[in-house]
Amino acid sequence: MTEAPRRKTHLRGIEGMRAAAAGTIVLVHVWAFSSPSGVVMGSGDWRGDAISVLSVGVTLFFTLSGFLLYRPFVASIARAVPHMPISTYLRNRFLRIAPAYWVILLLAALVLGTVGVRNAGALETGRLTDPSVLAQAALLVYDYRPSQLLIGIGPAWSLAVEVVFYLALPVMVLAVAAIARRFELRRDRVLVLLAPPLLLLLIGLSGKAVAGIALPADPTAGYDANWHSVVERSFWAQADLFSFGMAVAVLFVEVEDGRVSLPERWRWIAAGLALAIFIPCAWTMHRGEQSYLLQNTGQALAISLVFAALVLPAEPGAGKERVVGWLEAPFLVAFGIASYSVFLWHVPVIEWLSAHDLMLEGWGGLLVDAAIVALVVGALSALTYRFVERPALSYKRSTQDPRTVGGRSLVAAPRQAPAGQPDTA
């Protein structure tokens, strides 16, 4: 028999995690790009390595995407209920990403003149006025050849990786749903659901191997106009960073439905294991975040363990509730809601402030620079969220009841068990 879909519940702490991810990325880029002299402080010692570790905010974004986007499909396939038409899924992804990105890209490229442009292979900052190149930036297809790598809004290379994940996910889900329909037992369908995260893990590891072995370069060299950087900045080498969030999505649904019981104090065990993995990975990376280094995969695993400890619907613990309470602070929630605009605005703003001699030198200046960037980016992000993101998101369609939405269902119910035979593992 099929199982009734559970009511969608708000996951506390998610917006706070988005805020943390965006905030760490902003801090790294203030440190890297705001110095008037162009000298990156501490870049040759442990201080630079420590600040660079904050780039794992990108990995946290990938983890969130893997979890949040895969979870509804996992629930539908595991519970044998239809869910979300393809048209609804694609429409919602487009409305979430494209309007704000296009508006901010055009303003940064044509008004501020603070986007990346390639001049004889060298990456410079300026206006992007060539219609064909601007179109490549708008469609997020520029990172597939060295001559245009990282043009436009620099951090949007990770957005291009996200878009490939958005497009690959329904293909994987359709394949998994077709296989899962052959199984009567939920246990078997759940095992099938682990195939997509395993596939992305293998894809990401293979991409890292190609970038590190077939196209060798220094771990910090993945931003140059060469094929090593093209591979390293691609979904091919970053796919593994989504896989652990997807695996947490499978575990989440099983715990939510009472089919998996976690041991006592498992959250502390997960947190301890995460630290045991994260610290040596971070210590040995030496500014190699988002490169071909396997330490990036280790960091993604560690982040996903902490993430699981915070979101899985098991018995709450005092430590979890305290951390989630911090993440639910009104300021962090507001920051998290506008974090996409923050992510898109901050580097163009840093470049504009630097070009107009409004940034300071030294470690003390870095603190002032961070405060200035926070104020300007915060104001611009509030405007684009209010007048671009929120109106666009109002056109999103519900994904909870497919009977009210037209289009082909992305997940179909599996073959029914014979009458009188319960659908149990």
Protein backbone atom coordinates (compact mmCIF):
# COMPACT_ATOMS: atom_id res chain seq x y z
CA MET A 1 0.00 0.00 0.00
CA THR A 2 1.08 3.59 -0.47
CA GLU A 3 1.87 5.85 2.46
CA ALA A 4 0.23 9.21 2.97
CA PRO A 5 2.52 12.17 2.42
CA ARG A 6 3.61 13.95 5.55
CA ARG A 7 2.79 17.58 6.02
CA LYS A 8 5.64 19.84 5.04
CA THR A 9 7.26 21.43 8.07
CA HIS A 10 9.54 24.39 8.39
CA LEU A 11 13.11 23.36 9.04
CA ARG A 12 14.44 25.66 11.70
CA GLY A 13 17.94 26.98 11.22
CA ILE A 14 18.09 26.77 7.42
CA GLU A 15 18.07 30.53 6.85
CA GLY A 16 20.68 30.95 9.56
CA MET A 17 22.88 28.41 7.77
CA ARG A 18 22.47 30.35 4.53
CA ALA A 19 23.48 33.50 6.39
CA ALA A 20 26.57 31.76 7.79
CA ALA A 21 27.55 30.48 4.34
CA ALA A 22 27.12 33.88 2.69
CA GLY A 23 28.85 35.71 5.54
CA THR A 24 31.96 33.54 5.42
CA ILE A 25 32.23 33.96 1.64
CA VAL A 26 31.94 37.75 1.96
CA LEU A 27 34.67 37.83 4.63
CA VAL A 28 37.04 35.79 2.47
CA HIS A 29 36.55 38.11 -0.50
CA VAL A 30 36.93 41.27 1.61
CA TRP A 31 40.24 39.85 2.81
CA ALA A 32 41.33 38.84 -0.71
CA PHE A 33 40.21 41.88 -2.74
CA SER A 34 39.88 44.97 -0.55
CA SER A 35 43.53 45.89 0.08
CA PRO A 36 44.33 49.17 -1.79
CA SER A 37 47.89 47.98 -2.45
CA GLY A 38 46.72 44.64 -3.78
CA VAL A 39 48.76 42.82 -1.12
CA VAL A 40 46.72 40.09 0.55
CA MET A 41 47.59 40.15 4.23
CA GLY A 42 48.85 36.92 5.70
CA SER A 43 48.71 35.15 2.35
CA GLY A 44 52.08 33.52 2.95
CA ASP A 45 51.47 32.14 6.44
CA TRP A 46 48.98 30.35 8.62
CA ARG A 47 46.74 33.41 8.93
CA GLY A 48 45.96 33.37 5.25
CA ASP A 49 45.32 29.64 5.35
CA ALA A 50 42.96 30.10 8.29
CA ILE A 51 40.94 32.86 6.61
CA SER A 52 40.82 30.92 3.37
CA VAL A 53 39.11 28.03 5.17
CA LEU A 54 36.03 30.26 5.39
CA SER A 55 35.53 29.50 1.71
CA VAL A 56 33.77 26.34 2.86
CA GLY A 57 30.68 28.54 2.82
CA VAL A 58 30.45 27.48 -0.83
CA THR A 59 30.48 23.83 0.25
CA LEU A 60 27.71 24.56 2.76
CA PHE A 61 25.61 26.08 -0.04
CA PHE A 62 26.11 22.93 -2.11
CA THR A 63 25.15 20.77 0.88
CA LEU A 64 21.97 22.78 1.40
CA SER A 65 21.04 22.47 -2.28
CA GLY A 66 21.62 18.73 -2.30
CA PHE A 67 19.46 18.27 0.79
CA LEU A 68 16.64 20.71 0.12
CA LEU A 69 16.09 19.83 -3.54
CA TYR A 70 16.44 16.07 -3.24
CA ARG A 71 14.36 15.64 -0.07
CA PRO A 72 10.89 16.12 -1.66
CA PHE A 73 11.69 13.54 -4.33
CA VAL A 74 13.06 11.12 -1.74
CA ALA A 75 9.86 11.43 0.28
CA SER A 76 7.69 10.84 -2.79
CA ILE A 77 9.57 7.80 -4.03
CA ALA A 78 10.04 6.24 -0.60
CA ARG A 79 6.37 6.76 0.32
CA ALA A 80 5.09 5.77 -3.14
CA VAL A 81 3.15 8.97 -3.78
CA PRO A 82 3.33 11.27 -6.85
CA HIS A 83 5.11 14.58 -6.49
CA MET A 84 6.10 17.73 -8.35
CA PRO A 85 5.69 17.99 -12.13
CA ILE A 86 8.83 18.66 -14.13
CA SER A 87 7.41 21.98 -15.31
CA THR A 88 6.85 23.13 -11.72
CA TYR A 89 10.34 22.15 -10.61
CA LEU A 90 12.03 23.93 -13.53
CA ARG A 91 9.80 26.99 -13.21
CA ASN A 92 10.60 27.34 -9.52
CA ARG A 93 14.33 26.96 -10.07
CA PHE A 94 14.26 29.59 -12.82
CA LEU A 95 12.35 32.07 -10.66
CA ARG A 96 14.72 31.49 -7.76
CA ILE A 97 17.91 32.06 -9.75
CA ALA A 98 17.49 34.02 -12.96
CA PRO A 99 15.71 37.35 -12.20
CA ALA A 100 18.03 38.53 -9.42
CA TYR A 101 21.14 37.25 -11.19
CA TRP A 102 20.29 39.02 -14.45
CA VAL A 103 19.47 42.33 -12.75
CA ILE A 104 22.62 42.37 -10.62
CA LEU A 105 24.81 41.18 -13.50
CA LEU A 106 23.56 43.97 -15.77
CA LEU A 107 24.00 46.64 -13.09
CA ALA A 108 27.49 45.42 -12.21
CA ALA A 109 28.56 44.96 -15.84
CA LEU A 110 27.11 48.12 -17.39
CA VAL A 111 26.72 50.63 -14.54
CA LEU A 112 29.33 49.85 -11.89
CA GLY A 113 31.80 48.37 -14.35
CA THR A 114 33.11 45.95 -11.72
CA VAL A 115 32.82 42.51 -13.29
CA GLY A 116 35.50 40.16 -14.54
CA VAL A 117 36.63 40.54 -18.15
CA ARG A 118 39.32 38.62 -20.00
CA ASN A 119 42.01 40.64 -21.79
CA ALA A 120 44.49 38.44 -23.67
CA GLY A 121 43.82 35.71 -21.14
CA ALA A 122 44.35 37.95 -18.09
CA LEU A 123 41.36 38.46 -15.80
CA GLU A 124 40.69 42.15 -15.18
CA THR A 125 37.91 44.23 -13.66
CA GLY A 126 35.83 46.50 -15.85
CA ARG A 127 32.67 46.86 -17.92
CA LEU A 128 31.33 43.93 -19.89
CA THR A 129 29.68 45.42 -22.95
CA ASP A 130 30.23 42.80 -25.65
CA PRO A 131 26.70 41.42 -26.22
CA SER A 132 27.84 37.88 -27.01
CA VAL A 133 30.12 37.67 -23.97
CA LEU A 134 27.48 39.25 -21.74
CA ALA A 135 24.99 36.67 -23.00
CA GLN A 136 27.41 33.89 -22.03
CA ALA A 137 27.64 35.36 -18.55
CA ALA A 138 23.86 35.70 -18.32
CA LEU A 139 23.36 32.05 -19.32
CA LEU A 140 26.17 30.85 -17.03
CA VAL A 141 27.97 28.99 -19.83
CA TYR A 142 31.21 30.98 -19.84
CA ASP A 143 33.21 28.62 -17.62
CA TYR A 144 33.40 25.88 -20.25
CA ARG A 145 36.38 27.34 -22.13
CA PRO A 146 39.54 28.96 -20.77
CA SER A 147 39.21 32.21 -22.74
CA GLN A 148 36.06 33.23 -20.83
CA LEU A 149 36.62 31.56 -17.47
CA LEU A 150 35.32 33.61 -14.49
CA ILE A 151 34.01 36.56 -16.51
CA GLY A 152 31.08 38.46 -15.08
CA ILE A 153 30.38 38.17 -11.37
CA GLY A 154 33.35 36.16 -10.11
CA PRO A 155 31.66 34.00 -7.42
CA ALA A 156 28.94 33.05 -9.93
CA TRP A 157 31.15 30.16 -11.08
CA SER A 158 29.57 28.25 -8.20
CA LEU A 159 26.12 29.34 -9.37
CA ALA A 160 26.93 27.81 -12.76
CA VAL A 161 27.78 24.58 -10.93
CA GLU A 162 24.47 24.78 -9.04
CA VAL A 163 22.54 25.20 -12.29
CA VAL A 164 24.04 22.00 -13.69
CA PHE A 165 22.92 20.25 -10.50
CA TYR A 166 19.43 21.71 -10.91
CA LEU A 167 19.24 20.27 -14.43
CA ALA A 168 20.83 16.93 -13.57
CA LEU A 169 18.60 16.27 -10.56
CA PRO A 170 15.30 15.66 -12.41
CA VAL A 171 17.07 13.35 -14.85
CA MET A 172 18.43 11.29 -11.95
CA VAL A 173 15.07 11.34 -10.18
CA LEU A 174 13.19 10.15 -13.27
CA ALA A 175 15.65 7.27 -13.63
CA VAL A 176 15.43 6.37 -9.95
CA ALA A 177 11.62 6.60 -9.98
CA ALA A 178 11.44 4.26 -12.98
CA ILE A 179 13.60 1.71 -11.16
CA ALA A 180 11.83 2.16 -7.82
CA ARG A 181 8.44 1.38 -9.40
CA ARG A 182 9.66 -2.18 -9.84
CA PHE A 183 9.98 -2.68 -6.09
CA GLU A 184 7.16 -3.36 -3.65
CA LEU A 185 9.21 -2.99 -0.49
CA ARG A 186 10.12 0.46 0.74
CA ARG A 187 13.51 -0.78 1.87
CA ASP A 188 14.39 -1.55 -1.74
CA ARG A 189 13.17 1.85 -2.95
CA VAL A 190 15.30 3.58 -0.32
CA LEU A 191 18.38 1.69 -1.48
CA VAL A 192 17.67 2.88 -5.02
CA LEU A 193 17.43 6.44 -3.71
CA LEU A 194 21.03 6.25 -2.54
CA ALA A 195 22.20 5.78 -6.13
CA PRO A 196 22.12 9.49 -7.14
CA PRO A 197 24.30 10.69 -4.22
CA LEU A 198 26.69 7.82 -4.87
CA LEU A 199 26.81 8.72 -8.56
CA LEU A 200 27.58 12.38 -7.80
CA LEU A 201 30.26 11.34 -5.32
CA LEU A 202 31.96 9.28 -8.02
CA ILE A 203 31.57 12.03 -10.64
CA GLY A 204 33.11 14.62 -8.32
CA LEU A 205 36.01 12.37 -7.37
CA SER A 206 36.71 11.58 -11.03
CA GLY A 207 36.70 15.28 -11.91
CA LYS A 208 39.12 16.01 -9.08
CA ALA A 209 41.36 13.20 -10.28
CA VAL A 210 41.43 14.60 -13.82
CA ALA A 211 42.16 18.13 -12.56
CA GLY A 212 44.91 16.92 -10.24
CA ILE A 213 46.52 14.15 -12.28
CA ALA A 214 45.76 14.59 -15.99
CA LEU A 215 45.90 18.41 -15.81
CA PRO A 216 48.22 19.00 -12.84
CA ALA A 217 48.57 22.42 -11.26
CA ASP A 218 48.98 24.01 -7.86
CA PRO A 219 45.83 23.77 -5.67
CA THR A 220 45.50 27.57 -5.75
CA ALA A 221 45.81 27.77 -9.56
CA GLY A 222 42.21 26.92 -10.40
CA TYR A 223 41.27 30.42 -11.52
CA ASP A 224 43.53 30.78 -14.56
CA ALA A 225 42.71 30.66 -18.27
CA ASN A 226 43.53 26.98 -18.77
CA TRP A 227 41.76 23.63 -18.98
CA HIS A 228 42.81 22.64 -15.47
CA SER A 229 40.77 25.56 -14.14
CA VAL A 230 37.85 24.78 -16.45
CA VAL A 231 37.63 21.27 -14.99
CA GLU A 232 38.13 22.46 -11.43
CA ARG A 233 35.42 25.13 -11.66
CA SER A 234 32.94 22.70 -13.23
CA PHE A 235 30.22 20.45 -11.88
CA TRP A 236 32.45 17.54 -12.87
CA ALA A 237 34.92 18.33 -10.08
CA GLN A 238 32.38 19.74 -7.61
CA ALA A 239 29.56 17.18 -7.85
CA ASP A 240 30.75 15.26 -4.78
CA LEU A 241 30.05 18.30 -2.60
CA PHE A 242 26.30 17.87 -3.26
CA SER A 243 26.27 14.14 -2.58
CA PHE A 244 26.43 14.20 1.21
CA GLY A 245 23.51 16.62 1.50
CA MET A 246 21.50 14.27 -0.73
CA ALA A 247 22.39 11.33 1.51
CA VAL A 248 21.20 13.32 4.54
CA ALA A 249 17.91 13.86 2.68
CA VAL A 250 17.41 10.09 2.43
CA LEU A 251 18.21 9.63 6.12
CA PHE A 252 15.93 12.55 7.03
CA VAL A 253 12.87 10.97 5.42
CA GLU A 254 13.55 7.58 7.02
CA VAL A 255 13.95 9.16 10.47
CA GLU A 256 10.91 11.38 9.95
CA ASP A 257 8.77 8.36 9.10
CA GLY A 258 10.01 6.43 12.12
CA ARG A 259 11.76 3.79 10.04
CA VAL A 260 15.24 4.54 11.38
CA SER A 261 16.07 5.11 15.04
CA LEU A 262 19.30 6.88 15.85
CA PRO A 263 21.32 5.91 18.93
CA GLU A 264 21.41 8.02 22.06
CA ARG A 265 23.88 10.90 21.92
CA TRP A 266 24.32 10.40 18.19
CA ARG A 267 24.45 14.18 17.66
CA TRP A 268 27.54 14.46 19.85
CA ILE A 269 29.11 11.55 18.01
CA ALA A 270 28.38 13.20 14.66
CA ALA A 271 29.81 16.53 15.85
CA GLY A 272 32.95 14.89 17.19
CA LEU A 273 33.46 12.92 13.99
CA ALA A 274 32.94 16.08 11.97
CA LEU A 275 35.68 17.87 13.90
CA ALA A 276 38.00 14.88 13.54
CA ILE A 277 37.54 15.04 9.76
CA PHE A 278 37.35 18.80 9.24
CA ILE A 279 40.38 19.95 11.24
CA PRO A 280 43.07 17.86 9.45
CA CYS A 281 41.47 18.62 6.08
CA ALA A 282 41.48 22.37 6.75
CA TRP A 283 45.00 22.25 8.23
CA THR A 284 46.50 20.64 5.13
CA MET A 285 44.68 22.50 2.36
CA HIS A 286 46.79 25.69 2.28
CA ARG A 287 44.18 27.76 0.41
CA GLY A 288 43.13 24.85 -1.79
CA GLU A 289 39.38 25.20 -1.13
CA GLN A 290 37.14 24.12 -4.02
CA SER A 291 40.17 22.67 -5.79
CA TYR A 292 40.97 19.08 -6.80
CA LEU A 293 42.20 18.23 -3.30
CA LEU A 294 40.38 15.35 -1.62
CA GLN A 295 40.33 17.45 1.53
CA ASN A 296 37.42 19.31 -0.06
CA THR A 297 35.44 16.06 -0.10
CA GLY A 298 36.39 15.51 3.53
CA GLN A 299 35.20 18.98 4.47
CA ALA A 300 31.90 18.35 2.69
CA LEU A 301 31.43 15.15 4.68
CA ALA A 302 32.21 16.97 7.94
CA ILE A 303 29.81 19.81 7.14
CA SER A 304 27.07 17.31 6.29
CA LEU A 305 27.54 15.52 9.62
CA VAL A 306 27.03 18.78 11.50
CA PHE A 307 24.14 19.64 9.20
CA ALA A 308 22.50 16.28 9.92
CA ALA A 309 22.91 16.82 13.67
CA LEU A 310 21.00 20.10 13.34
CA VAL A 311 18.17 19.13 11.00
CA LEU A 312 17.31 15.45 11.51
CA PRO A 313 13.94 15.10 13.26
CA ALA A 314 15.16 12.88 16.09
CA GLU A 315 14.79 13.53 19.78
CA PRO A 316 15.94 17.13 20.39
CA GLY A 317 18.91 17.75 22.60
CA ALA A 318 19.82 20.83 24.59
CA GLY A 319 22.92 21.44 22.48
CA LYS A 320 21.00 21.21 19.23
CA GLU A 321 18.23 23.52 20.43
CA ARG A 322 20.77 26.10 21.57
CA VAL A 323 22.57 26.15 18.20
CA VAL A 324 19.33 26.18 16.22
CA GLY A 325 18.09 28.98 18.44
CA TRP A 326 21.14 31.04 17.50
CA LEU A 327 20.56 30.28 13.82
CA GLU A 328 16.95 31.44 14.20
CA ALA A 329 18.00 34.88 15.47
CA PRO A 330 15.98 37.51 13.55
CA PHE A 331 19.09 39.17 12.12
CA LEU A 332 20.45 35.89 10.78
CA VAL A 333 17.07 34.88 9.35
CA ALA A 334 16.78 38.22 7.53
CA PHE A 335 20.35 37.88 6.28
CA GLY A 336 19.66 34.33 5.15
CA ILE A 337 16.55 35.34 3.25
CA ALA A 338 18.54 37.94 1.28
CA SER A 339 21.70 35.80 1.11
CA TYR A 340 21.40 35.16 -2.63
CA SER A 341 21.52 38.89 -3.37
CA VAL A 342 24.37 39.25 -0.87
CA PHE A 343 26.27 36.52 -2.68
CA LEU A 344 25.83 38.25 -6.05
CA TRP A 345 26.46 41.82 -4.93
CA HIS A 346 29.46 41.60 -2.66
CA VAL A 347 32.40 41.21 -5.08
CA PRO A 348 31.19 43.93 -7.51
CA VAL A 349 30.74 46.23 -4.50
CA ILE A 350 34.22 45.41 -3.13
CA GLU A 351 35.75 46.12 -6.55
CA TRP A 352 33.85 49.43 -6.87
CA LEU A 353 34.87 50.59 -3.39
CA SER A 354 38.50 49.65 -4.08
CA ALA A 355 38.49 51.46 -7.43
CA HIS A 356 37.27 54.63 -5.67
CA ASP A 357 39.88 54.45 -2.88
CA LEU A 358 37.28 53.78 -0.21
CA MET A 359 39.03 50.78 1.33
CA LEU A 360 41.76 50.77 3.98
CA GLU A 361 45.06 48.92 4.42
CA GLY A 362 46.19 46.64 7.23
CA TRP A 363 44.47 44.27 9.61
CA GLY A 364 42.64 47.12 11.34
CA GLY A 365 41.56 48.42 7.96
CA LEU A 366 40.23 44.98 7.13
CA LEU A 367 37.70 45.27 9.93
CA VAL A 368 36.60 48.69 8.68
CA ASP A 369 36.44 47.38 5.12
CA ALA A 370 34.24 44.49 6.22
CA ALA A 371 31.87 46.90 7.98
CA ILE A 372 31.66 49.20 4.93
CA VAL A 373 31.02 46.28 2.59
CA ALA A 374 28.39 44.89 4.96
CA LEU A 375 26.50 48.20 5.00
CA VAL A 376 26.57 48.76 1.23
CA VAL A 377 25.91 45.16 0.27
CA GLY A 378 23.20 44.88 2.90
CA ALA A 379 21.38 47.92 1.52
CA LEU A 380 21.64 46.79 -2.10
CA SER A 381 20.62 43.24 -1.22
CA ALA A 382 17.57 44.46 0.66
CA LEU A 383 16.51 46.43 -2.42
CA THR A 384 17.01 43.58 -4.89
CA TYR A 385 15.29 41.12 -2.58
CA ARG A 386 12.32 43.46 -2.10
CA PHE A 387 11.90 44.52 -5.71
CA VAL A 388 13.30 41.59 -7.71
CA GLU A 389 13.59 38.35 -5.75
CA ARG A 390 10.38 38.50 -3.75
CA PRO A 391 8.13 39.47 -6.68
CA ALA A 392 9.68 36.69 -8.79
CA LEU A 393 9.28 34.12 -6.01
CA SER A 394 5.61 35.01 -5.69
CA TYR A 395 5.09 33.24 -9.02
CA LYS A 396 6.48 29.95 -7.76
CA ARG A 397 4.00 27.10 -7.72
CA SER A 398 3.32 24.74 -4.87
CA THR A 399 5.19 21.46 -4.97
CA GLN A 400 3.15 19.76 -2.28
CA ASP A 401 -0.04 18.64 -4.04
CA PRO A 402 0.50 17.57 -7.66
CA ARG A 403 -3.23 17.20 -8.23
CA THR A 404 -3.56 20.99 -8.22
CA VAL A 405 -0.74 21.56 -10.71
CA GLY A 406 -0.63 20.75 -14.42
CA GLY A 407 2.22 19.02 -16.18
CA ARG A 408 3.80 15.61 -16.18
CA SER A 409 4.59 14.25 -12.75
CA LEU A 410 8.27 14.01 -11.98
CA VAL A 411 7.71 11.01 -9.73
CA ALA A 412 5.10 8.34 -10.33
CA ALA A 413 3.83 5.80 -7.84
CA PRO A 414 5.50 2.39 -7.98
CA ARG A 415 3.80 -0.91 -8.73
CA GLN A 416 1.25 -1.67 -6.02
CA ALA A 417 1.67 -4.56 -3.62
CA PRO A 418 -0.89 -7.34 -3.94
CA ALA A 419 -4.12 -6.81 -1.98
CA GLY A 420 -3.65 -7.51 1.68
CA GLN A 421 0.15 -7.40 1.48
CA PRO A 422 1.52 -4.39 3.42
CA ASP A 423 4.22 -2.26 1.86
CA THR A 424 6.88 -2.72 4.50
CA ALA A 425 10.58 -3.35 4.52
